């Protein structure tokens, strides 16, 4: 189930990048476009935190899935 959530977050980040580019090109509104890019980067960092293995070689996502009933 968590895999689905992380996939949706990545798709939302891609949509935010694309939307920020379109907003910037059509209106020239740099402030809102940059806020969208920052939000997308924060979302991708959160996905990386859950999926990148730690020093012990196991990702936090794997630990959660293993401990779930």
N, C-alpha and C. Protein backbone atom coordinates (compact mmCIF):
# COMPACT_ATOMS: atom_id res chain seq x y z
N UNK A 1 0.82 -1.19 0.00
CA UNK A 1 0.00 0.00 0.00
C UNK A 1 0.86 1.26 0.00
N UNK A 2 1.95 1.22 0.76
CA UNK A 2 2.83 2.38 0.80
C UNK A 2 3.50 2.63 -0.55
N UNK A 3 3.70 1.57 -1.33
CA UNK A 3 4.28 1.74 -2.66
C UNK A 3 3.36 2.59 -3.54
N UNK A 4 2.07 2.37 -3.40
CA UNK A 4 1.10 3.14 -4.19
C UNK A 4 1.14 4.61 -3.78
N UNK A 5 1.22 4.86 -2.51
CA UNK A 5 1.26 6.24 -2.01
C UNK A 5 2.52 6.95 -2.52
N UNK A 6 3.66 6.28 -2.44
CA UNK A 6 4.90 6.88 -2.91
C UNK A 6 4.87 7.13 -4.42
N UNK A 7 4.24 6.23 -5.16
CA UNK A 7 4.10 6.42 -6.60
C UNK A 7 3.24 7.63 -6.91
N UNK A 8 2.17 7.81 -6.18
CA UNK A 8 1.30 8.97 -6.38
C UNK A 8 2.04 10.26 -6.04
N UNK A 9 2.86 10.23 -5.01
CA UNK A 9 3.63 11.42 -4.64
C UNK A 9 4.62 11.79 -5.75
N UNK A 10 5.27 10.79 -6.35
CA UNK A 10 6.20 11.07 -7.45
C UNK A 10 5.45 11.63 -8.65
N UNK A 11 4.30 11.06 -8.97
CA UNK A 11 3.51 11.59 -10.08
C UNK A 11 3.05 13.02 -9.81
N UNK A 12 2.68 13.31 -8.56
CA UNK A 12 2.28 14.67 -8.20
C UNK A 12 3.45 15.64 -8.33
N UNK A 13 4.65 15.19 -7.97
CA UNK A 13 5.83 16.04 -8.10
C UNK A 13 6.11 16.35 -9.57
N UNK A 14 5.97 15.36 -10.43
CA UNK A 14 6.16 15.59 -11.87
C UNK A 14 5.13 16.59 -12.38
N UNK A 15 3.88 16.42 -11.95
CA UNK A 15 2.83 17.35 -12.35
C UNK A 15 3.11 18.77 -11.84
N UNK A 16 3.66 18.88 -10.64
CA UNK A 16 4.01 20.20 -10.11
C UNK A 16 5.11 20.86 -10.92
N UNK A 17 6.14 20.10 -11.31
CA UNK A 17 7.19 20.65 -12.16
C UNK A 17 6.61 21.14 -13.48
N UNK A 18 5.79 20.32 -14.10
CA UNK A 18 5.19 20.68 -15.38
C UNK A 18 4.28 21.90 -15.22
N UNK A 19 3.47 21.91 -14.18
CA UNK A 19 2.58 23.04 -13.93
C UNK A 19 3.34 24.33 -13.64
N UNK A 20 4.45 24.21 -12.92
CA UNK A 20 5.26 25.40 -12.63
C UNK A 20 5.85 25.97 -13.91
N UNK A 21 6.30 25.09 -14.79
CA UNK A 21 6.85 25.55 -16.06
C UNK A 21 5.77 26.26 -16.89
N UNK A 22 4.59 25.65 -16.96
CA UNK A 22 3.51 26.28 -17.72
C UNK A 22 3.09 27.61 -17.11
N UNK A 23 3.00 27.68 -15.80
CA UNK A 23 2.64 28.93 -15.12
C UNK A 23 3.66 30.02 -15.42
N UNK A 24 4.92 29.67 -15.35
CA UNK A 24 5.98 30.64 -15.61
C UNK A 24 5.95 31.13 -17.07
N UNK A 25 5.75 30.18 -18.01
CA UNK A 25 5.75 30.55 -19.43
C UNK A 25 4.52 31.39 -19.81
N UNK A 26 3.37 31.06 -19.26
CA UNK A 26 2.13 31.75 -19.66
C UNK A 26 1.92 33.08 -18.96
N UNK A 27 2.25 33.14 -17.68
CA UNK A 27 1.95 34.37 -16.92
C UNK A 27 3.19 35.13 -16.50
N UNK A 28 4.33 34.46 -16.46
CA UNK A 28 5.55 35.11 -15.98
C UNK A 28 5.60 35.23 -14.47
N UNK A 29 4.69 34.56 -13.78
CA UNK A 29 4.61 34.61 -12.32
C UNK A 29 5.69 33.70 -11.73
N UNK A 30 6.85 34.26 -11.46
CA UNK A 30 7.99 33.48 -11.00
C UNK A 30 7.82 33.01 -9.55
N UNK A 31 7.20 33.83 -8.71
CA UNK A 31 7.07 33.49 -7.29
C UNK A 31 6.27 32.20 -7.11
N UNK A 32 5.09 32.12 -7.70
CA UNK A 32 4.27 30.92 -7.55
C UNK A 32 4.89 29.71 -8.22
N UNK A 33 5.55 29.93 -9.35
CA UNK A 33 6.21 28.82 -10.03
C UNK A 33 7.34 28.25 -9.17
N UNK A 34 8.10 29.12 -8.53
CA UNK A 34 9.19 28.64 -7.67
C UNK A 34 8.65 27.93 -6.44
N UNK A 35 7.54 28.39 -5.90
CA UNK A 35 6.93 27.70 -4.77
C UNK A 35 6.47 26.30 -5.17
N UNK A 36 5.97 26.16 -6.38
CA UNK A 36 5.57 24.84 -6.87
C UNK A 36 6.78 23.93 -7.04
N UNK A 37 7.87 24.48 -7.52
CA UNK A 37 9.10 23.69 -7.68
C UNK A 37 9.64 23.26 -6.32
N UNK A 38 9.62 24.16 -5.35
CA UNK A 38 10.08 23.82 -4.01
C UNK A 38 9.20 22.72 -3.41
N UNK A 39 7.89 22.81 -3.58
CA UNK A 39 7.00 21.78 -3.09
C UNK A 39 7.29 20.43 -3.74
N UNK A 40 7.56 20.42 -5.03
CA UNK A 40 7.88 19.19 -5.73
C UNK A 40 9.19 18.60 -5.21
N UNK A 41 10.18 19.44 -4.96
CA UNK A 41 11.44 18.95 -4.42
C UNK A 41 11.28 18.37 -3.02
N UNK A 42 10.48 19.02 -2.20
CA UNK A 42 10.22 18.50 -0.85
C UNK A 42 9.55 17.12 -0.92
N UNK A 43 8.60 16.97 -1.83
CA UNK A 43 7.92 15.69 -2.00
C UNK A 43 8.90 14.61 -2.45
N UNK A 44 9.79 14.94 -3.38
CA UNK A 44 10.77 13.96 -3.85
C UNK A 44 11.79 13.60 -2.77
N UNK A 45 12.16 14.56 -1.95
CA UNK A 45 13.07 14.25 -0.83
C UNK A 45 12.38 13.32 0.16
N UNK A 46 11.10 13.53 0.40
CA UNK A 46 10.38 12.63 1.30
C UNK A 46 10.33 11.21 0.75
N UNK A 47 10.12 11.07 -0.54
CA UNK A 47 10.14 9.74 -1.16
C UNK A 47 11.52 9.12 -1.02
N UNK A 48 12.56 9.92 -1.22
CA UNK A 48 13.92 9.41 -1.09
C UNK A 48 14.21 8.96 0.34
N UNK A 49 13.72 9.70 1.31
CA UNK A 49 13.94 9.31 2.70
C UNK A 49 13.34 7.93 2.98
N UNK A 50 12.18 7.66 2.41
CA UNK A 50 11.52 6.38 2.64
C UNK A 50 12.13 5.23 1.85
N UNK A 51 12.77 5.51 0.72
CA UNK A 51 13.20 4.42 -0.16
C UNK A 51 14.70 4.18 -0.20
N UNK A 52 15.52 5.16 0.14
CA UNK A 52 16.97 4.98 0.08
C UNK A 52 17.42 4.19 1.31
N UNK A 53 18.23 3.14 1.10
CA UNK A 53 18.69 2.33 2.23
C UNK A 53 19.58 3.12 3.19
N UNK A 54 19.49 2.77 4.45
CA UNK A 54 20.32 3.39 5.48
C UNK A 54 21.67 2.66 5.53
N UNK A 55 22.46 2.96 6.54
CA UNK A 55 23.78 2.35 6.68
C UNK A 55 23.71 0.83 6.86
N UNK A 56 22.60 0.35 7.43
CA UNK A 56 22.46 -1.09 7.63
C UNK A 56 22.00 -1.81 6.37
N UNK A 57 21.74 -1.08 5.29
CA UNK A 57 21.37 -1.68 4.01
C UNK A 57 19.89 -1.92 3.83
N UNK A 58 19.09 -1.43 4.77
CA UNK A 58 17.64 -1.63 4.68
C UNK A 58 16.94 -0.28 4.65
N UNK A 59 16.00 -0.14 3.72
CA UNK A 59 15.25 1.10 3.60
C UNK A 59 14.16 1.16 4.67
N UNK A 60 13.80 2.36 5.13
CA UNK A 60 12.72 2.48 6.12
C UNK A 60 11.41 1.87 5.64
N UNK A 61 11.14 1.95 4.36
CA UNK A 61 9.92 1.36 3.81
C UNK A 61 9.90 -0.14 4.02
N UNK A 62 11.03 -0.80 3.83
CA UNK A 62 11.11 -2.25 4.03
C UNK A 62 10.88 -2.61 5.49
N UNK A 63 11.40 -1.78 6.42
CA UNK A 63 11.19 -2.05 7.84
C UNK A 63 9.71 -1.96 8.21
N UNK A 64 9.03 -0.96 7.65
CA UNK A 64 7.60 -0.77 7.94
C UNK A 64 6.80 -1.93 7.37
N UNK A 65 7.10 -2.33 6.14
CA UNK A 65 6.36 -3.42 5.51
C UNK A 65 6.60 -4.74 6.23
N UNK A 66 7.80 -4.95 6.73
CA UNK A 66 8.12 -6.19 7.44
C UNK A 66 7.39 -6.26 8.78
N UNK A 67 7.23 -5.12 9.46
CA UNK A 67 6.61 -5.12 10.78
C UNK A 67 5.09 -5.05 10.72
N UNK A 68 4.51 -4.80 9.54
CA UNK A 68 3.06 -4.75 9.41
C UNK A 68 2.47 -6.14 9.51
N UNK A 69 1.28 -6.25 10.14
CA UNK A 69 0.66 -7.59 10.27
C UNK A 69 0.11 -8.10 8.96
